[in-house]
């Protein structure tokens, strides 16, 4: 049981690090609360955040 918990904490930590590294500067910094939620809830919180960010992104105004 402890091995599973340690592995989960390690993987959630990696998720936070990858998000920090891939987050663009133009989007502004990530809040500590968001990082804590991602660390605690993992991919479920990342999916919710991604869905929220897709709705917020401005369009360029040109259609292809």
Protein backbone atom coordinates (compact mmCIF):
# COMPACT_ATOMS: atom_id res chain seq x y z
CA UNK A 1 0.00 0.00 0.00
CA UNK A 2 2.81 2.43 0.81
CA UNK A 3 4.48 1.77 -2.55
CA UNK A 4 1.29 2.73 -4.36
CA UNK A 5 0.97 5.94 -2.34
CA UNK A 6 4.61 6.87 -2.95
CA UNK A 7 4.21 6.20 -6.67
CA UNK A 8 1.04 8.33 -6.78
CA UNK A 9 2.77 11.25 -5.04
CA UNK A 10 5.73 10.97 -7.41
CA UNK A 11 3.53 10.95 -10.51
CA UNK A 12 1.40 13.87 -9.33
CA UNK A 13 4.60 15.80 -8.62
CA UNK A 14 5.78 15.10 -12.17
CA UNK A 15 2.45 16.35 -13.52
CA UNK A 16 2.88 19.66 -11.71
CA UNK A 17 6.46 20.00 -12.97
CA UNK A 18 5.45 19.25 -16.56
CA UNK A 19 2.62 21.75 -16.40
CA UNK A 20 4.96 24.44 -15.07
CA UNK A 21 7.49 23.70 -17.83
CA UNK A 22 4.92 23.70 -20.64
CA UNK A 23 2.84 26.65 -19.43
CA UNK A 24 3.41 29.63 -21.68
CA UNK A 25 4.62 32.96 -20.31
CA UNK A 26 1.80 34.83 -22.10
CA UNK A 27 -0.79 32.89 -20.06
CA UNK A 28 0.51 34.26 -16.78
CA UNK A 29 1.83 32.38 -13.78
CA UNK A 30 0.06 29.41 -12.21
CA UNK A 31 -1.40 29.98 -8.78
CA UNK A 32 -0.18 27.94 -5.83
CA UNK A 33 -3.77 26.84 -5.23
CA UNK A 34 -4.01 25.39 -8.76
CA UNK A 35 -0.68 23.62 -8.35
CA UNK A 36 -1.85 22.17 -5.02
CA UNK A 37 -5.13 20.95 -6.56
CA UNK A 38 -3.23 19.32 -9.44
CA UNK A 39 -0.85 17.68 -7.00
CA UNK A 40 -3.74 16.34 -4.90
CA UNK A 41 -6.19 15.33 -7.64
CA UNK A 42 -3.84 14.63 -10.56
CA UNK A 43 -5.11 14.20 -14.08
CA UNK A 44 -8.73 14.94 -13.17
CA UNK A 45 -7.84 18.48 -12.13
CA UNK A 46 -5.63 18.89 -15.23
CA UNK A 47 -8.54 17.92 -17.48
CA UNK A 48 -10.86 20.39 -15.74
CA UNK A 49 -8.21 23.14 -16.02
CA UNK A 50 -7.61 22.33 -19.71
CA UNK A 51 -11.34 22.53 -20.45
CA UNK A 52 -11.55 25.88 -18.66
CA UNK A 53 -8.53 27.26 -20.55
CA UNK A 54 -9.95 26.24 -23.94
CA UNK A 55 -13.03 28.35 -23.23
CA UNK A 56 -10.91 31.37 -22.22
CA UNK A 57 -8.42 31.47 -25.11
CA UNK A 58 -8.97 34.35 -27.51
CA UNK A 59 -9.26 33.57 -31.21
CA UNK A 60 -6.95 35.17 -33.72
CA UNK A 61 -9.81 36.54 -35.85
CA UNK A 62 -8.72 34.76 -39.03
CA UNK A 63 -10.56 31.73 -40.31
CA UNK A 64 -8.97 29.03 -42.38
